[in-house]
Protein backbone atom coordinates (compact mmCIF):
# COMPACT_ATOMS: atom_id res chain seq x y z
CA MET A 1 -61.28 -30.33 -26.75
CA SER A 2 -61.91 -33.44 -24.62
CA ASP A 3 -59.29 -35.04 -22.42
CA GLN A 4 -59.43 -38.22 -24.55
CA THR A 5 -58.72 -36.25 -27.73
CA ILE A 6 -55.76 -34.52 -26.09
CA LYS A 7 -54.44 -37.86 -24.86
CA THR A 8 -54.74 -39.38 -28.37
CA ASP A 9 -52.93 -36.41 -29.94
CA VAL A 10 -50.12 -36.61 -27.37
CA GLU A 11 -49.65 -40.36 -27.88
CA ARG A 12 -49.68 -39.89 -31.66
CA ALA A 13 -46.95 -37.25 -31.41
CA LEU A 14 -44.85 -39.34 -29.06
CA GLY A 15 -45.35 -42.36 -31.31
CA GLY A 16 -43.12 -40.68 -33.87
CA ILE A 17 -40.12 -40.88 -31.51
CA THR A 18 -38.10 -44.06 -32.04
CA ASN A 19 -35.98 -45.66 -29.33
CA PRO A 20 -32.61 -46.24 -31.05
CA ARG A 21 -31.84 -49.29 -28.91
CA HIS A 22 -34.59 -51.51 -30.31
CA GLY A 23 -36.08 -49.53 -33.24
CA ARG A 24 -39.61 -49.23 -31.80
CA ASP A 25 -41.46 -46.02 -30.99
CA ILE A 26 -41.54 -45.13 -27.31
CA VAL A 27 -45.32 -45.56 -27.01
CA ALA A 28 -45.30 -49.09 -28.47
CA ALA A 29 -42.33 -49.92 -26.26
CA GLY A 30 -44.42 -49.11 -23.18
CA MET A 31 -42.20 -46.19 -22.15
CA VAL A 32 -45.14 -43.74 -21.92
CA LYS A 33 -47.65 -44.57 -19.22
CA GLY A 34 -50.35 -42.78 -17.27
CA ALA A 35 -50.53 -39.64 -19.40
CA GLN A 36 -53.21 -37.46 -17.79
CA PRO A 37 -54.19 -34.37 -19.79
CA GLY A 38 -55.58 -32.66 -16.69
CA ALA A 39 -52.33 -33.03 -14.71
CA GLN A 40 -50.26 -30.05 -13.64
CA ARG A 41 -46.61 -29.45 -14.36
CA SER A 42 -44.35 -29.14 -11.35
CA THR A 43 -43.87 -25.48 -12.31
CA GLY A 44 -47.60 -24.85 -11.94
CA SER A 45 -48.41 -24.49 -15.65
CA PRO A 46 -51.27 -26.82 -16.79
CA LEU A 47 -50.74 -29.05 -19.82
CA GLY A 48 -52.29 -27.57 -22.89
CA SER A 49 -52.62 -24.09 -21.34
CA GLY A 50 -50.16 -22.61 -23.82
CA ARG A 51 -48.71 -20.37 -21.11
CA PRO A 52 -44.96 -20.72 -20.39
CA ALA A 53 -44.07 -21.42 -16.80
CA THR A 54 -42.50 -18.46 -15.00
CA ALA A 55 -39.43 -18.91 -12.83
CA PRO A 56 -39.78 -17.86 -9.19
CA PRO A 57 -38.17 -14.50 -8.37
CA PRO A 58 -34.69 -14.63 -6.84
CA PRO A 59 -34.62 -14.36 -3.05
CA ALA A 60 -34.02 -10.91 -1.63
CA PRO A 61 -30.53 -10.33 -0.19
CA PRO A 62 -30.37 -10.67 3.60
CA THR A 63 -30.78 -7.47 5.57
CA PRO A 64 -27.70 -6.69 7.66
CA ASP A 65 -28.18 -6.29 11.40
CA GLU A 66 -27.06 -3.40 13.51
CA MET A 67 -25.05 -4.74 16.43
CA PRO A 68 -24.58 -1.87 18.88
CA SER A 69 -22.73 -4.02 21.41
CA LEU A 70 -19.83 -4.33 18.96
CA GLY A 71 -19.22 -0.57 18.90
CA LYS A 72 -17.71 0.79 15.71
CA VAL A 73 -17.60 -2.06 13.19
CA LEU A 74 -14.75 -1.49 10.74
CA ALA A 75 -13.64 -3.68 7.84
CA ILE A 76 -9.89 -3.75 7.15
CA SER A 77 -9.53 -4.59 3.50
CA SER A 78 -7.27 -4.48 0.46
CA GLY A 79 -7.65 -5.42 -3.14
CA LYS A 80 -4.32 -7.24 -3.19
CA GLY A 81 -2.55 -9.80 -1.04
CA GLY A 82 0.86 -9.11 0.45
CA VAL A 83 0.31 -5.47 1.37
CA GLY A 84 0.45 -6.12 5.11
CA LYS A 85 -3.28 -5.84 5.80
CA SER A 86 -3.23 -8.35 8.67
CA THR A 87 -0.19 -6.63 10.17
CA VAL A 88 -2.06 -3.33 10.10
CA SER A 89 -5.20 -4.98 11.53
CA ALA A 90 -3.32 -6.63 14.40
CA ASN A 91 -1.36 -3.54 15.35
CA LEU A 92 -4.34 -1.21 14.99
CA ALA A 93 -6.34 -3.45 17.32
CA ALA A 94 -3.49 -3.69 19.84
CA ALA A 95 -2.87 0.05 19.71
CA LEU A 96 -6.57 0.81 20.34
CA ALA A 97 -6.54 -1.59 23.30
CA ARG A 98 -3.33 0.00 24.58
CA ASP A 99 -5.15 3.35 24.62
CA GLY A 100 -7.87 1.89 26.84
CA HIS A 101 -10.53 0.93 24.29
CA ARG A 102 -12.44 -2.36 24.35
CA VAL A 103 -11.50 -4.08 21.11
CA GLY A 104 -12.46 -7.23 19.22
CA LEU A 105 -10.66 -8.53 16.14
CA MET A 106 -12.36 -11.06 13.88
CA ASP A 107 -10.16 -12.87 11.37
CA ALA A 108 -12.38 -13.26 8.30
CA ASP A 109 -9.47 -14.38 6.10
CA ILE A 110 -10.83 -17.91 5.85
CA TYR A 111 -8.19 -19.12 3.41
CA GLY A 112 -5.17 -17.69 5.22
CA PRO A 113 -5.92 -16.97 8.90
CA ASN A 114 -2.80 -15.25 10.29
CA ILE A 115 -4.20 -13.42 13.32
CA PRO A 116 -3.54 -16.35 15.73
CA ARG A 117 0.19 -16.31 14.95
CA MET A 118 0.39 -12.51 15.12
CA PHE A 119 -1.03 -12.60 18.64
CA GLY A 120 0.80 -15.74 19.77
CA GLN A 121 -2.40 -17.71 20.37
CA ASN A 122 -3.19 -21.25 19.23
CA ALA A 123 -5.58 -22.65 21.86
CA LYS A 124 -9.07 -23.90 21.06
CA PRO A 125 -11.82 -21.47 22.13
CA GLU A 126 -14.20 -22.73 24.80
CA VAL A 127 -17.95 -23.06 24.28
CA GLN A 128 -20.12 -22.13 27.26
CA GLY A 129 -23.88 -21.65 27.29
CA GLY A 130 -24.07 -22.15 23.54
CA LYS A 131 -21.59 -19.31 22.89
CA ILE A 132 -17.99 -19.46 21.68
CA HIS A 133 -15.71 -17.51 23.98
CA PRO A 134 -13.02 -15.57 22.13
CA LEU A 135 -9.38 -15.81 23.10
CA GLU A 136 -7.65 -12.69 24.33
CA ALA A 137 -4.15 -11.32 23.89
CA HIS A 138 -2.66 -7.84 24.39
CA GLY A 139 -6.09 -6.64 25.51
CA VAL A 140 -7.81 -7.70 22.26
CA LYS A 141 -10.57 -10.30 21.98
CA LEU A 142 -9.82 -12.63 19.07
CA MET A 143 -11.67 -15.11 16.87
CA SER A 144 -10.21 -16.90 13.88
CA LEU A 145 -10.69 -20.08 11.92
CA GLY A 146 -7.03 -20.69 12.77
CA PHE A 147 -8.10 -21.47 16.35
CA ILE A 148 -10.46 -24.20 15.16
CA VAL A 149 -8.88 -26.06 12.23
CA GLU A 150 -5.48 -27.72 12.14
CA ARG A 151 -2.54 -25.61 11.02
CA ASP A 152 -2.03 -27.59 7.78
CA ALA A 153 -5.74 -27.96 6.91
CA PRO A 154 -6.64 -26.12 3.68
CA ALA A 155 -10.00 -24.35 3.52
CA ILE A 156 -11.41 -25.71 0.25
CA TRP A 157 -14.81 -24.09 0.62
CA ARG A 158 -17.31 -22.24 -1.52
CA GLY A 159 -19.33 -19.14 -0.75
CA PRO A 160 -22.21 -20.59 1.32
CA ILE A 161 -19.84 -22.19 3.83
CA ILE A 162 -17.81 -18.98 4.11
CA MET A 163 -21.00 -17.06 4.85
CA LYS A 164 -21.94 -19.59 7.56
CA ILE A 165 -18.53 -19.22 9.22
CA ILE A 166 -18.72 -15.42 9.21
CA THR A 167 -22.29 -15.59 10.52
CA GLN A 168 -21.17 -17.83 13.39
CA PHE A 169 -18.21 -15.60 14.22
CA LEU A 170 -20.53 -12.58 14.39
CA ARG A 171 -23.55 -14.04 16.18
CA ASP A 172 -22.35 -17.07 18.12
CA VAL A 173 -19.25 -15.57 19.74
CA ALA A 174 -19.54 -13.93 23.17
CA TRP A 175 -17.86 -10.67 22.19
CA GLY A 176 -19.36 -8.71 25.08
CA GLU A 177 -19.52 -4.92 25.00
CA LEU A 178 -16.91 -3.39 22.70
CA ASP A 179 -15.84 0.05 21.52
CA TYR A 180 -14.27 -1.18 18.26
CA PHE A 181 -14.81 -4.34 16.28
CA LEU A 182 -12.25 -4.83 13.51
CA VAL A 183 -12.69 -7.40 10.75
CA ASP A 184 -9.54 -8.53 8.96
CA LEU A 185 -10.76 -9.49 5.47
CA PRO A 186 -9.02 -11.58 2.81
CA PRO A 187 -7.68 -9.85 -0.31
CA GLY A 188 -10.05 -9.08 -3.15
CA THR A 189 -13.79 -8.51 -3.42
CA GLY A 190 -15.21 -12.00 -2.96
CA ASP A 191 -17.53 -14.02 -0.75
CA ALA A 192 -16.14 -12.89 2.62
CA GLN A 193 -16.56 -9.19 1.81
CA LEU A 194 -20.08 -9.58 0.44
CA SER A 195 -21.14 -11.86 3.30
CA LEU A 196 -19.93 -9.35 5.88
CA THR A 197 -21.84 -6.45 4.31
CA GLN A 198 -25.00 -8.59 4.20
CA LEU A 199 -24.76 -9.64 7.85
CA VAL A 200 -23.79 -6.55 9.83
CA ARG A 201 -24.12 -2.83 9.26
CA LEU A 202 -20.56 -1.57 8.99
CA HIS A 203 -19.48 1.87 10.10
CA GLY A 204 -16.86 1.95 7.38
CA ALA A 205 -13.94 0.31 5.62
CA ILE A 206 -10.23 1.03 5.95
CA ILE A 207 -8.29 0.25 2.77
CA VAL A 208 -4.65 -0.86 3.05
CA THR A 209 -2.28 -0.46 0.12
CA THR A 210 1.41 -0.14 -0.62
CA PRO A 211 2.84 2.74 -2.66
CA GLN A 212 3.29 1.01 -6.03
CA GLU A 213 0.63 1.38 -8.72
CA MET A 214 -0.07 -2.35 -8.99
CA ALA A 215 -1.29 -2.45 -5.40
CA VAL A 216 -3.05 0.92 -5.68
CA GLY A 217 -5.11 -0.23 -8.69
CA ASP A 218 -6.34 -3.34 -6.89
CA SER A 219 -7.06 -1.38 -3.71
CA LEU A 220 -9.13 1.07 -5.75
CA ARG A 221 -11.35 -1.81 -6.90
CA GLY A 222 -11.66 -2.99 -3.31
CA ALA A 223 -12.75 0.49 -2.18
CA LYS A 224 -15.28 0.76 -5.00
CA MET A 225 -16.83 -2.56 -3.95
CA PHE A 226 -17.63 -1.13 -0.52
CA GLU A 227 -19.06 2.03 -2.06
CA ARG A 228 -21.36 -0.02 -4.30
CA VAL A 229 -22.87 -1.81 -1.30
CA GLY A 230 -23.37 1.41 0.63
CA VAL A 231 -20.37 1.24 2.98
CA GLY A 232 -18.23 4.35 3.21
CA VAL A 233 -14.44 4.29 3.08
CA VAL A 234 -12.97 5.81 6.24
CA GLY A 235 -9.58 6.32 4.61
CA ILE A 236 -6.40 4.82 3.20
CA VAL A 237 -3.45 3.32 5.06
CA GLU A 238 -0.22 3.21 3.05
CA ASN A 239 1.93 0.39 4.38
CA MET A 240 5.63 -0.05 3.60
CA SER A 241 5.77 3.63 2.70
CA TYR A 242 9.50 3.95 3.25
CA PHE A 243 12.38 2.22 4.97
CA VAL A 244 14.02 3.58 8.10
CA CYS A 245 17.68 2.65 8.45
CA PRO A 246 18.20 1.23 11.96
CA HIS A 247 21.71 2.76 12.07
CA CYS A 248 21.48 6.26 10.63
CA HIS A 249 17.67 6.59 10.74
CA GLU A 250 17.58 7.86 7.15
CA HIS A 251 14.32 7.39 5.22
CA SER A 252 14.58 5.55 1.89
CA GLU A 253 11.66 5.08 -0.51
CA VAL A 254 11.85 1.42 -1.50
CA PHE A 255 8.79 1.60 -3.75
CA LEU A 256 7.38 4.33 -5.95
CA ALA A 257 6.31 7.09 -3.59
CA GLY A 258 2.86 8.62 -3.19
CA GLY A 259 0.55 5.75 -4.16
CA GLY A 260 -1.52 5.99 -1.01
CA SER A 261 -1.94 9.75 -1.38
CA ARG A 262 -3.04 9.41 -5.00
CA LEU A 263 -5.55 6.70 -4.08
CA ALA A 264 -6.96 8.80 -1.24
CA ALA A 265 -7.31 11.79 -3.57
CA GLU A 266 -9.07 9.73 -6.24
CA LEU A 267 -11.56 8.39 -3.70
CA GLY A 268 -11.97 11.73 -1.92
CA VAL A 269 -11.01 10.25 1.47
CA PRO A 270 -8.15 11.01 3.88
CA LEU A 271 -4.79 9.30 4.01
CA LEU A 272 -4.99 7.92 7.54
CA GLY A 273 -1.34 6.99 7.92
CA GLN A 274 1.94 5.94 6.34
CA ILE A 275 3.60 2.96 7.98
CA PRO A 276 7.33 2.43 7.37
CA LEU A 277 9.18 -0.78 6.72
CA GLN A 278 11.25 -1.66 9.75
CA ALA A 279 13.87 -4.30 10.34
CA GLY A 280 12.73 -6.98 12.76
CA MET A 281 9.03 -6.24 12.44
CA ALA A 282 8.29 -9.55 10.70
CA ALA A 283 10.16 -11.51 13.37
CA LEU A 284 8.08 -9.85 16.07
CA ALA A 285 4.87 -10.77 14.23
CA ASP A 286 6.00 -14.39 13.96
CA ARG A 287 6.54 -14.43 17.72
CA GLY A 288 3.07 -13.03 18.37
CA GLU A 289 4.27 -9.61 19.45
CA PRO A 290 2.62 -6.62 17.73
CA ILE A 291 5.21 -3.90 17.34
CA VAL A 292 2.97 -1.35 19.08
CA VAL A 293 3.33 -3.54 22.19
CA SER A 294 6.92 -4.74 21.97
CA GLU A 295 8.53 -1.62 20.45
CA PRO A 296 5.95 1.16 20.76
CA ASP A 297 8.50 3.97 20.33
CA SER A 298 10.08 2.59 17.15
CA PRO A 299 9.27 4.34 13.82
CA ALA A 300 6.65 1.74 12.83
CA GLY A 301 5.29 1.57 16.39
CA LEU A 302 4.83 5.34 16.53
CA ALA A 303 3.19 5.43 13.09
CA LEU A 304 0.73 2.66 14.00
CA ARG A 305 -0.12 4.27 17.34
CA GLU A 306 -0.79 7.54 15.52
CA LEU A 307 -2.95 5.62 13.04
CA ALA A 308 -5.07 4.32 15.93
CA ARG A 309 -5.63 7.84 17.25
CA THR A 310 -6.58 9.04 13.75
CA VAL A 311 -9.07 6.19 13.34
CA VAL A 312 -10.70 7.10 16.66
CA THR A 313 -11.09 10.72 15.52
CA ARG A 314 -12.33 9.88 12.02
CA THR A 315 -14.90 7.33 13.17
CA ALA A 316 -16.25 9.19 16.20
CA ASP A 317 -19.36 10.49 14.43
CA LEU A 318 -19.89 7.66 11.95
CA ALA A 319 -23.27 5.92 11.89
CA PRO A 320 -23.68 2.35 10.62
CA ALA A 321 -24.28 2.03 6.88
CA GLU A 322 -27.88 1.90 5.73
CA PRO A 323 -28.73 -1.50 4.19
CA ILE A 324 -29.22 -1.65 0.44
CA THR A 325 -32.48 -3.45 -0.34
CA ALA A 326 -31.52 -4.45 -3.88
CA PRO A 327 -28.16 -5.76 -5.14
CA PRO A 328 -26.11 -3.26 -7.16
CA ALA A 329 -26.63 -3.43 -10.89
CA SER A 330 -23.94 -5.23 -12.85
CA PRO A 331 -22.41 -3.52 -15.89
CA PRO A 332 -23.60 -4.89 -19.25
CA VAL A 333 -21.54 -7.67 -20.81
CA ARG A 334 -20.29 -6.66 -24.23
């Protein structure tokens, strides 16, 4: 079939389409110009070929890097907010530093960065030689969005921006040589968690929960997310396990007991520690004083220091997670 015949057939077909504004067909109205039968579609499929254009394949997920200078890279995560994950992260980092380890703590909770307050730091980090220099408190190197944005500035950002921030915190900060690099993640299984696993090869994840079943169920989903992307769960930390009376030192179970143990058993991982509720602990955190520093021999201080020693033992032989080359399959939608 000649190009002229194809052009005539196309114009005849388009001539049957009427512009409702003035009642004339779109060819007579001069709305179709320069039709070239030999032209190519932008998708690469020639006119008249009869072959549907194929969409380009989706880009492969980024391959996470191994960063040996960071030491053991551990994600501190939970499926639910309000379980004290940042408190555990801050005190675990401070306790590791207290025991002589070189420690970095990255606050990846973009929407609610609390690490600056918990360490009593609010200065702007300096940039030297193209690198951001972390702040330091209680022997721990720190980086948080809270050091950069104003205290009342909400982070109204989508996934790509979150990934850029986490990338910058990992690669553009002068962390130096570390033994442990802890990442305090936001609650849930969203952009921050996925971005982290795509950027750096983690040695494992520590899951924080409280004893009640509502928190345990959400923490289970958080742990399963790490398993699906090839990151092992080091163990479970049960926070607010019991209350210690400051007067008689009696233990009282404020919540349903045993949630952390049941979660650890279901996942086949150890219960790393049980941290008690303690009067005055929140006030210390607000003043930027981790309890392992200010009251190391208190019930919560002792439990958190023991947690740090357990983490050192449990992670001693861990290798970084192998990258997954394809994203995990999603369950069918019914």
